[in-house]
Amino acid sequence: MNTFYELWGTKTPAEAKAKIEAQRKEIKGEPQNLEEQAISSVGREVYEKLIKCYTEKQWGRDCKDLPPFLIKRLPVRYCYNNNYFNDCYQGIPIGGYNRLIEKLLDGVDVRLNTNYLEHRDELNTMASKIAYTGPIDEYFDFKYGPLEYRSLRFEEEILDQESFQGNIVVNYTDHDHPYTRIVEHKYFEFGTQPKTVITKEYSQEWKLGMEPYYPVNDAKNGERYNRYKAEADQLKNVLFCGRLAEYKYYDMHQIVEKALKMTI
């Protein structure tokens, strides 16, 4: 509602809904791409101001060439709640993820700097079941061709000031700024340090050897993934899980839930 008020001066949900409803009508039938899905959800004005440029920076593709489901994960709310999602609890574990992972691995034999795929014959003899979280195409030696991803580049700065942006994350939804967002780390745990650390995040095209972050779930990659998945389904002693092994975008709470269900 704060966004709608800034755009149109609307003060009630009914006023905002009327504005959006008038703009949604340009999309006839089921949305066929991300642009149509966004317009059918929030209208053209919000789409062009907040979604279009950011999405095209993030994915390096026109919104018309992206699948509609990518934008469905974001809720549309007619209330004055500025949180990103509706979840009761948002943020990171107290103490950070390192503290969580250290406790999960307490008493577990851990090998660092070890490529599972280079030692799979040896490592497979150590367990009756394998949980594989790496790229599924790499597991099968790219026999159907590599799947495509988007990667990221980070620039960190230590600033001699107490606060830079006053918030954990600020997204830059225009084409004028080359980065997609800036993270100010002290706000994850309510830090009070005299200096602050920020990270600028740049989206970039992925190539083999780079860190894969976001699967490109278009028709071509979807068909290729399905061929890998058909082979993975034949391996009863290997669990393929996670963004890379399932070639699927997950939020953190979703992947934690998925991991818990797979252990049952």
C-alpha atoms as a PDB file:
ATOM      1  CA  MET A   1       0.000   0.000   0.000  1.00  0.00           C
ATOM      2  CA  ASN A   2       2.943   2.338   0.595  1.00  0.00           C
ATOM      3  CA  THR A   3       4.091   1.689  -2.976  1.00  0.00           C
ATOM      4  CA  PHE A   4       0.620   2.319  -4.381  1.00  0.00           C
ATOM      5  CA  TYR A   5       0.328   5.530  -2.365  1.00  0.00           C
ATOM      6  CA  GLU A   6       3.651   6.805  -3.732  1.00  0.00           C
ATOM      7  CA  LEU A   7       2.533   6.003  -7.280  1.00  0.00           C
ATOM      8  CA  TRP A   8      -1.085   7.107  -7.282  1.00  0.00           C
ATOM      9  CA  GLY A   9      -1.930   8.687  -3.925  1.00  0.00           C
ATOM     10  CA  THR A  10      -4.340   5.846  -3.158  1.00  0.00           C
ATOM     11  CA  LYS A  11      -5.002   5.350   0.555  1.00  0.00           C
ATOM     12  CA  THR A  12      -7.325   2.356   0.762  1.00  0.00           C
ATOM     13  CA  PRO A  13      -7.103  -1.198  -0.614  1.00  0.00           C
ATOM     14  CA  ALA A  14     -10.232  -0.589  -2.683  1.00  0.00           C
ATOM     15  CA  GLU A  15      -8.671   2.427  -4.405  1.00  0.00           C
ATOM     16  CA  ALA A  16      -5.451   0.536  -5.170  1.00  0.00           C
ATOM     17  CA  LYS A  17      -7.307  -2.538  -6.436  1.00  0.00           C
ATOM     18  CA  ALA A  18      -9.359  -0.380  -8.791  1.00  0.00           C
ATOM     19  CA  LYS A  19      -6.188   1.109 -10.283  1.00  0.00           C
ATOM     20  CA  ILE A  20      -4.568  -2.281 -10.781  1.00  0.00           C
ATOM     21  CA  GLU A  21      -7.734  -3.926 -12.073  1.00  0.00           C
ATOM     22  CA  ALA A  22      -7.997  -1.318 -14.837  1.00  0.00           C
ATOM     23  CA  GLN A  23      -4.413  -2.049 -15.950  1.00  0.00           C
ATOM     24  CA  ARG A  24      -4.661  -5.831 -15.672  1.00  0.00           C
ATOM     25  CA  LYS A  25      -7.292  -5.975 -18.409  1.00  0.00           C
ATOM     26  CA  GLU A  26      -4.709  -5.592 -21.186  1.00  0.00           C
ATOM     27  CA  ILE A  27      -3.674  -9.237 -20.627  1.00  0.00           C
ATOM     28  CA  LYS A  28      -6.166 -11.601 -22.208  1.00  0.00           C
ATOM     29  CA  GLY A  29      -6.166 -15.254 -21.206  1.00  0.00           C
ATOM     30  CA  GLU A  30      -3.450 -17.164 -19.385  1.00  0.00           C
ATOM     31  CA  PRO A  31      -0.119 -15.252 -19.129  1.00  0.00           C
ATOM     32  CA  GLN A  32       2.501 -16.764 -21.433  1.00  0.00           C
ATOM     33  CA  ASN A  33       5.632 -15.078 -20.065  1.00  0.00           C
ATOM     34  CA  LEU A  34       6.925 -13.122 -17.068  1.00  0.00           C
ATOM     35  CA  GLU A  35       5.873  -9.748 -18.453  1.00  0.00           C
ATOM     36  CA  GLU A  36       2.284 -10.846 -18.972  1.00  0.00           C
ATOM     37  CA  GLN A  37       2.187 -12.523 -15.548  1.00  0.00           C
ATOM     38  CA  ALA A  38       3.470  -9.376 -13.822  1.00  0.00           C
ATOM     39  CA  ILE A  39       1.016  -7.085 -15.592  1.00  0.00           C
ATOM     40  CA  SER A  40      -1.866  -9.446 -14.844  1.00  0.00           C
ATOM     41  CA  SER A  41      -0.865  -9.357 -11.148  1.00  0.00           C
ATOM     42  CA  VAL A  42       0.036  -5.701 -10.476  1.00  0.00           C
ATOM     43  CA  GLY A  43      -0.667  -3.745 -13.664  1.00  0.00           C
ATOM     44  CA  ARG A  44       1.695  -2.126 -16.156  1.00  0.00           C
ATOM     45  CA  GLU A  45       2.838   0.838 -14.048  1.00  0.00           C
ATOM     46  CA  VAL A  46       4.147  -1.217 -11.134  1.00  0.00           C
ATOM     47  CA  TYR A  47       5.635  -3.713 -13.584  1.00  0.00           C
ATOM     48  CA  GLU A  48       7.591  -1.063 -15.482  1.00  0.00           C
ATOM     49  CA  LYS A  49       8.761   0.824 -12.379  1.00  0.00           C
ATOM     50  CA  LEU A  50       9.694  -2.049 -10.081  1.00  0.00           C
ATOM     51  CA  ILE A  51       9.905  -5.330 -11.996  1.00  0.00           C
ATOM     52  CA  LYS A  52      10.948  -4.966 -15.631  1.00  0.00           C
ATOM     53  CA  CYS A  53      14.459  -3.446 -15.364  1.00  0.00           C
ATOM     54  CA  TYR A  54      15.433  -5.363 -12.230  1.00  0.00           C
ATOM     55  CA  THR A  55      14.358  -8.678 -13.732  1.00  0.00           C
ATOM     56  CA  GLU A  56      16.162  -8.048 -17.017  1.00  0.00           C
ATOM     57  CA  LYS A  57      19.364  -7.155 -15.133  1.00  0.00           C
ATOM     58  CA  GLN A  58      19.023 -10.258 -12.980  1.00  0.00           C
ATOM     59  CA  TRP A  59      18.402 -12.697 -15.813  1.00  0.00           C
ATOM     60  CA  GLY A  60      20.113 -10.980 -18.758  1.00  0.00           C
ATOM     61  CA  ARG A  61      16.993 -11.623 -20.828  1.00  0.00           C
ATOM     62  CA  ASP A  62      13.905  -9.744 -21.918  1.00  0.00           C
ATOM     63  CA  CYS A  63      10.933 -10.340 -19.610  1.00  0.00           C
ATOM     64  CA  LYS A  64       8.995 -11.664 -22.597  1.00  0.00           C
ATOM     65  CA  ASP A  65      11.526 -14.510 -22.831  1.00  0.00           C
ATOM     66  CA  LEU A  66      11.198 -15.604 -19.182  1.00  0.00           C
ATOM     67  CA  PRO A  67       8.609 -18.061 -17.804  1.00  0.00           C
ATOM     68  CA  PRO A  68       5.672 -16.638 -15.814  1.00  0.00           C
ATOM     69  CA  PHE A  69       6.257 -18.730 -12.668  1.00  0.00           C
ATOM     70  CA  LEU A  70       9.396 -16.747 -11.750  1.00  0.00           C
ATOM     71  CA  ILE A  71       7.281 -13.802 -10.591  1.00  0.00           C
ATOM     72  CA  LYS A  72       4.508 -15.834  -8.957  1.00  0.00           C
ATOM     73  CA  ARG A  73       6.594 -16.422  -5.818  1.00  0.00           C
ATOM     74  CA  LEU A  74       6.242 -12.763  -4.784  1.00  0.00           C
ATOM     75  CA  PRO A  75       2.964 -11.952  -2.985  1.00  0.00           C
ATOM     76  CA  VAL A  76       0.723  -9.014  -3.896  1.00  0.00           C
ATOM     77  CA  ARG A  77      -0.690  -7.488  -0.719  1.00  0.00           C
ATOM     78  CA  TYR A  78      -3.083  -4.650  -0.101  1.00  0.00           C
ATOM     79  CA  CYS A  79      -1.771  -3.686   3.328  1.00  0.00           C
ATOM     80  CA  TYR A  80       0.851  -1.379   4.822  1.00  0.00           C
ATOM     81  CA  ASN A  81       3.280  -4.219   5.553  1.00  0.00           C
ATOM     82  CA  ASN A  82       6.618  -3.599   3.829  1.00  0.00           C
ATOM     83  CA  ASN A  83       8.094  -7.051   4.496  1.00  0.00           C
ATOM     84  CA  TYR A  84       9.171  -8.954   1.394  1.00  0.00           C
ATOM     85  CA  PHE A  85       7.113 -12.045   2.260  1.00  0.00           C
ATOM     86  CA  ASN A  86       4.211 -12.960   4.534  1.00  0.00           C
ATOM     87  CA  ASP A  87       6.308 -15.318   6.649  1.00  0.00           C
ATOM     88  CA  CYS A  88       6.063 -14.952  10.439  1.00  0.00           C
ATOM     89  CA  TYR A  89       9.842 -15.241  10.775  1.00  0.00           C
ATOM     90  CA  GLN A  90      12.245 -13.643   8.324  1.00  0.00           C
ATOM     91  CA  GLY A  91      16.016 -13.257   8.307  1.00  0.00           C
ATOM     92  CA  ILE A  92      18.859 -15.642   9.065  1.00  0.00           C
ATOM     93  CA  PRO A  93      19.575 -18.016  11.975  1.00  0.00           C
ATOM     94  CA  ILE A  94      20.842 -16.303  15.133  1.00  0.00           C
ATOM     95  CA  GLY A  95      24.622 -16.274  14.873  1.00  0.00           C
ATOM     96  CA  GLY A  96      24.512 -16.824  11.111  1.00  0.00           C
ATOM     97  CA  TYR A  97      24.538 -19.925   8.916  1.00  0.00           C
ATOM     98  CA  ASN A  98      28.069 -20.934   9.943  1.00  0.00           C
ATOM     99  CA  ARG A  99      26.892 -21.519  13.490  1.00  0.00           C
ATOM    100  CA  LEU A 100      23.969 -23.617  12.238  1.00  0.00           C
ATOM    101  CA  ILE A 101      26.141 -25.707   9.898  1.00  0.00           C
ATOM    102  CA  GLU A 102      28.790 -26.273  12.593  1.00  0.00           C
ATOM    103  CA  LYS A 103      26.180 -27.820  14.885  1.00  0.00           C
ATOM    104  CA  LEU A 104      24.681 -29.922  12.095  1.00  0.00           C
ATOM    105  CA  LEU A 105      28.125 -31.326  11.274  1.00  0.00           C
ATOM    106  CA  ASP A 106      29.196 -31.916  14.877  1.00  0.00           C
ATOM    107  CA  GLY A 107      30.556 -35.466  15.044  1.00  0.00           C
ATOM    108  CA  VAL A 108      30.342 -35.945  11.265  1.00  0.00           C
ATOM    109  CA  ASP A 109      33.385 -36.859   9.157  1.00  0.00           C
ATOM    110  CA  VAL A 110      33.903 -33.865   6.821  1.00  0.00           C
ATOM    111  CA  ARG A 111      36.319 -33.677   3.893  1.00  0.00           C
ATOM    112  CA  LEU A 112      37.059 -30.193   2.613  1.00  0.00           C
ATOM    113  CA  ASN A 113      38.391 -29.355  -0.865  1.00  0.00           C
ATOM    114  CA  THR A 114      37.200 -32.737  -2.126  1.00  0.00           C
ATOM    115  CA  ASN A 115      35.366 -33.059  -5.425  1.00  0.00           C
ATOM    116  CA  TYR A 116      32.842 -35.847  -4.996  1.00  0.00           C
ATOM    117  CA  LEU A 117      32.614 -36.523  -8.726  1.00  0.00           C
ATOM    118  CA  GLU A 118      36.377 -37.065  -8.964  1.00  0.00           C
ATOM    119  CA  HIS A 119      36.281 -39.599  -6.112  1.00  0.00           C
ATOM    120  CA  ARG A 120      32.774 -41.016  -6.426  1.00  0.00           C
ATOM    121  CA  ASP A 121      33.814 -44.678  -6.705  1.00  0.00           C
ATOM    122  CA  GLU A 122      35.705 -44.475  -3.425  1.00  0.00           C
ATOM    123  CA  LEU A 123      33.153 -42.322  -1.613  1.00  0.00           C
ATOM    124  CA  ASN A 124      30.157 -44.364  -2.740  1.00  0.00           C
ATOM    125  CA  THR A 125      31.496 -47.366  -0.849  1.00  0.00           C
ATOM    126  CA  MET A 126      31.184 -45.441   2.418  1.00  0.00           C
ATOM    127  CA  ALA A 127      27.385 -45.203   2.447  1.00  0.00           C
ATOM    128  CA  SER A 128      24.295 -47.053   1.284  1.00  0.00           C
ATOM    129  CA  LYS A 129      22.685 -43.804   0.108  1.00  0.00           C
ATOM    130  CA  ILE A 130      24.149 -40.590  -1.356  1.00  0.00           C
ATOM    131  CA  ALA A 131      22.649 -37.105  -1.095  1.00  0.00           C
ATOM    132  CA  TYR A 132      23.960 -35.239  -4.132  1.00  0.00           C
ATOM    133  CA  THR A 133      23.544 -31.440  -4.195  1.00  0.00           C
ATOM    134  CA  GLY A 134      25.819 -30.548  -7.112  1.00  0.00           C
ATOM    135  CA  PRO A 135      24.801 -29.808 -10.726  1.00  0.00           C
ATOM    136  CA  ILE A 136      22.801 -32.715 -12.131  1.00  0.00           C
ATOM    137  CA  ASP A 137      24.260 -32.286 -15.618  1.00  0.00           C
ATOM    138  CA  GLU A 138      27.797 -32.543 -14.248  1.00  0.00           C
ATOM    139  CA  TYR A 139      26.872 -35.766 -12.410  1.00  0.00           C
ATOM    140  CA  PHE A 140      26.058 -37.315 -15.796  1.00  0.00           C
ATOM    141  CA  ASP A 141      29.150 -35.831 -17.486  1.00  0.00           C
ATOM    142  CA  PHE A 142      27.056 -33.324 -19.466  1.00  0.00           C
ATOM    143  CA  LYS A 143      25.918 -36.119 -21.798  1.00  0.00           C
ATOM    144  CA  TYR A 144      22.875 -34.094 -22.941  1.00  0.00           C
ATOM    145  CA  GLY A 145      24.700 -30.763 -22.875  1.00  0.00           C
ATOM    146  CA  PRO A 146      25.229 -28.263 -20.022  1.00  0.00           C
ATOM    147  CA  LEU A 147      22.289 -26.609 -18.300  1.00  0.00           C
ATOM    148  CA  GLU A 148      22.361 -22.816 -18.178  1.00  0.00           C
ATOM    149  CA  TYR A 149      22.523 -20.627 -15.077  1.00  0.00           C
ATOM    150  CA  ARG A 150      22.953 -17.034 -14.048  1.00  0.00           C
ATOM    151  CA  SER A 151      25.963 -16.257 -11.915  1.00  0.00           C
ATOM    152  CA  LEU A 152      26.807 -13.370  -9.584  1.00  0.00           C
ATOM    153  CA  ARG A 153      29.727 -11.047  -8.936  1.00  0.00           C
ATOM    154  CA  PHE A 154      30.196  -9.287  -5.583  1.00  0.00           C
ATOM    155  CA  GLU A 155      31.988  -6.066  -4.664  1.00  0.00           C
ATOM    156  CA  GLU A 156      32.520  -5.445  -0.950  1.00  0.00           C
ATOM    157  CA  GLU A 157      33.337  -2.118   0.674  1.00  0.00           C
ATOM    158  CA  ILE A 158      34.145  -1.146   4.263  1.00  0.00           C
ATOM    159  CA  LEU A 159      32.780   2.339   4.878  1.00  0.00           C
ATOM    160  CA  ASP A 160      33.960   4.650   7.638  1.00  0.00           C
ATOM    161  CA  GLN A 161      30.423   5.455   8.716  1.00  0.00           C
ATOM    162  CA  GLU A 162      27.889   3.873  11.038  1.00  0.00           C
ATOM    163  CA  SER A 163      25.199   3.256   8.435  1.00  0.00           C
ATOM    164  CA  PHE A 164      24.972   3.352   4.653  1.00  0.00           C
ATOM    165  CA  GLN A 165      21.368   2.533   3.748  1.00  0.00           C
ATOM    166  CA  GLY A 166      19.716   1.721   7.075  1.00  0.00           C
ATOM    167  CA  ASN A 167      18.424  -1.646   5.899  1.00  0.00           C
ATOM    168  CA  ILE A 168      19.657  -5.156   5.124  1.00  0.00           C
ATOM    169  CA  VAL A 169      18.901  -5.079   1.388  1.00  0.00           C
ATOM    170  CA  VAL A 170      17.968  -2.343  -1.079  1.00  0.00           C
ATOM    171  CA  ASN A 171      17.094  -3.429  -4.635  1.00  0.00           C
ATOM    172  CA  TYR A 172      17.901  -1.175  -7.591  1.00  0.00           C
ATOM    173  CA  THR A 173      15.077  -1.593 -10.061  1.00  0.00           C
ATOM    174  CA  ASP A 174      16.417   0.642 -12.854  1.00  0.00           C
ATOM    175  CA  HIS A 175      18.943   0.176 -15.643  1.00  0.00           C
ATOM    176  CA  ASP A 176      21.043   3.144 -14.499  1.00  0.00           C
ATOM    177  CA  HIS A 177      22.676   1.193 -11.664  1.00  0.00           C
ATOM    178  CA  PRO A 178      24.641  -1.822 -12.963  1.00  0.00           C
ATOM    179  CA  TYR A 179      24.153  -3.787  -9.718  1.00  0.00           C
ATOM    180  CA  THR A 180      20.855  -5.376  -8.723  1.00  0.00           C
ATOM    181  CA  ARG A 181      21.078  -4.735  -4.984  1.00  0.00           C
ATOM    182  CA  ILE A 182      23.231  -3.660  -2.074  1.00  0.00           C
ATOM    183  CA  VAL A 183      23.439  -5.687   1.132  1.00  0.00           C
ATOM    184  CA  GLU A 184      24.445  -3.985   4.399  1.00  0.00           C
ATOM    185  CA  HIS A 185      25.513  -6.864   6.612  1.00  0.00           C
ATOM    186  CA  LYS A 186      25.333  -5.323  10.088  1.00  0.00           C
ATOM    187  CA  TYR A 187      21.540  -5.212   9.929  1.00  0.00           C
ATOM    188  CA  PHE A 188      21.260  -9.013   9.771  1.00  0.00           C
ATOM    189  CA  GLU A 189      22.097  -9.112  13.481  1.00  0.00           C
ATOM    190  CA  PHE A 190      21.315  -5.537  14.530  1.00  0.00           C
ATOM    191  CA  GLY A 191      24.990  -4.532  14.619  1.00  0.00           C
ATOM    192  CA  THR A 192      26.101  -1.275  16.265  1.00  0.00           C
ATOM    193  CA  GLN A 193      29.676  -1.076  14.922  1.00  0.00           C
ATOM    194  CA  PRO A 194      31.125   2.373  14.092  1.00  0.00           C
ATOM    195  CA  LYS A 195      31.870   1.178  10.528  1.00  0.00           C
ATOM    196  CA  THR A 196      29.694  -0.706   8.064  1.00  0.00           C
ATOM    197  CA  VAL A 197      30.298  -3.329   5.362  1.00  0.00           C
ATOM    198  CA  ILE A 198      28.267  -3.289   2.144  1.00  0.00           C
ATOM    199  CA  THR A 199      28.202  -5.686  -0.793  1.00  0.00           C
ATOM    200  CA  LYS A 200      27.110  -4.681  -4.287  1.00  0.00           C
ATOM    201  CA  GLU A 201      25.653  -7.608  -6.217  1.00  0.00           C
ATOM    202  CA  TYR A 202      26.009  -7.861  -9.997  1.00  0.00           C
ATOM    203  CA  SER A 203      24.227 -10.470 -12.079  1.00  0.00           C
ATOM    204  CA  GLN A 204      26.226 -11.975 -14.925  1.00  0.00           C
ATOM    205  CA  GLU A 205      26.040 -14.663 -17.572  1.00  0.00           C
ATOM    206  CA  TRP A 206      27.312 -18.028 -16.395  1.00  0.00           C
ATOM    207  CA  LYS A 207      30.003 -20.116 -18.067  1.00  0.00           C
ATOM    208  CA  LEU A 208      31.358 -23.550 -17.149  1.00  0.00           C
ATOM    209  CA  GLY A 209      33.744 -23.165 -14.235  1.00  0.00           C
ATOM    210  CA  MET A 210      31.866 -20.244 -12.707  1.00  0.00           C
ATOM    211  CA  GLU A 211      29.663 -20.483  -9.618  1.00  0.00           C
ATOM    212  CA  PRO A 212      26.080 -21.314 -10.705  1.00  0.00           C
ATOM    213  CA  TYR A 213      23.369 -19.492  -8.752  1.00  0.00           C
ATOM    214  CA  TYR A 214      20.049 -19.316 -10.624  1.00  0.00           C
ATOM    215  CA  PRO A 215      18.771 -21.970 -13.039  1.00  0.00           C
ATOM    216  CA  VAL A 216      17.453 -20.583 -16.331  1.00  0.00           C
ATOM    217  CA  ASN A 217      14.117 -22.373 -16.439  1.00  0.00           C
ATOM    218  CA  ASP A 218      13.161 -21.790 -20.057  1.00  0.00           C
ATOM    219  CA  ALA A 219      11.797 -24.403 -22.464  1.00  0.00           C
ATOM    220  CA  LYS A 220      15.195 -25.481 -23.838  1.00  0.00           C
ATOM    221  CA  ASN A 221      16.757 -26.007 -20.426  1.00  0.00           C
ATOM    222  CA  GLY A 222      13.586 -27.603 -19.093  1.00  0.00           C
ATOM    223  CA  GLU A 223      13.652 -30.253 -21.800  1.00  0.00           C
ATOM    224  CA  ARG A 224      17.346 -30.906 -21.164  1.00  0.00           C
ATOM    225  CA  TYR A 225      16.833 -31.174 -17.405  1.00  0.00           C
ATOM    226  CA  ASN A 226      13.987 -33.659 -17.862  1.00  0.00           C
ATOM    227  CA  ARG A 227      16.368 -35.983 -19.708  1.00  0.00           C
ATOM    228  CA  TYR A 228      18.835 -35.828 -16.830  1.00  0.00           C
ATOM    229  CA  LYS A 229      16.047 -36.309 -14.291  1.00  0.00           C
ATOM    230  CA  ALA A 230      14.833 -39.429 -16.083  1.00  0.00           C
ATOM    231  CA  GLU A 231      18.283 -40.934 -15.583  1.00  0.00           C
ATOM    232  CA  ALA A 232      18.500 -39.719 -11.987  1.00  0.00           C
ATOM    233  CA  ASP A 233      15.192 -41.410 -11.179  1.00  0.00           C
ATOM    234  CA  GLN A 234      16.745 -44.749 -12.079  1.00  0.00           C
ATOM    235  CA  LEU A 235      19.397 -44.395  -9.353  1.00  0.00           C
ATOM    236  CA  LYS A 236      17.597 -45.548  -6.227  1.00  0.00           C
ATOM    237  CA  ASN A 237      20.580 -45.045  -3.938  1.00  0.00           C
ATOM    238  CA  VAL A 238      21.218 -41.391  -4.916  1.00  0.00           C
ATOM    239  CA  LEU A 239      19.058 -38.481  -3.739  1.00  0.00           C
ATOM    240  CA  PHE A 240      19.263 -35.462  -6.036  1.00  0.00           C
ATOM    241  CA  CYS A 241      18.356 -32.406  -3.977  1.00  0.00           C
ATOM    242  CA  GLY A 242      18.813 -28.647  -3.999  1.00  0.00           C
ATOM    243  CA  ARG A 243      18.883 -25.851  -6.542  1.00  0.00           C
ATOM    244  CA  LEU A 244      21.606 -27.433  -8.660  1.00  0.00           C
ATOM    245  CA  ALA A 245      20.605 -31.090  -8.473  1.00  0.00           C
ATOM    246  CA  GLU A 246      16.914 -30.332  -9.074  1.00  0.00           C
ATOM    247  CA  TYR A 247      17.563 -27.357 -11.378  1.00  0.00           C
ATOM    248  CA  LYS A 248      14.943 -25.382  -9.511  1.00  0.00           C
ATOM    249  CA  TYR A 249      14.806 -22.026  -7.750  1.00  0.00           C
ATOM    250  CA  TYR A 250      14.316 -22.491  -4.006  1.00  0.00           C
ATOM    251  CA  ASP A 251      14.032 -19.986  -1.193  1.00  0.00           C
ATOM    252  CA  MET A 252      15.956 -20.967   1.930  1.00  0.00           C
ATOM    253  CA  HIS A 253      12.928 -22.018   3.993  1.00  0.00           C
ATOM    254  CA  GLN A 254      11.750 -24.185   1.110  1.00  0.00           C
ATOM    255  CA  ILE A 255      15.047 -26.014   0.816  1.00  0.00           C
ATOM    256  CA  VAL A 256      15.180 -26.636   4.572  1.00  0.00           C
ATOM    257  CA  GLU A 257      11.672 -28.103   4.398  1.00  0.00           C
ATOM    258  CA  LYS A 258      12.652 -30.235   1.397  1.00  0.00           C
ATOM    259  CA  ALA A 259      15.745 -31.567   3.200  1.00  0.00           C
ATOM    260  CA  LEU A 260      13.693 -32.518   6.246  1.00  0.00           C
ATOM    261  CA  LYS A 261      11.106 -34.344   4.136  1.00  0.00           C
ATOM    262  CA  MET A 262      13.780 -36.280   2.254  1.00  0.00           C
ATOM    263  CA  THR A 263      15.176 -37.656   5.514  1.00  0.00           C
ATOM    264  CA  ILE A 264      11.848 -39.123   6.624  1.00  0.00           C
END
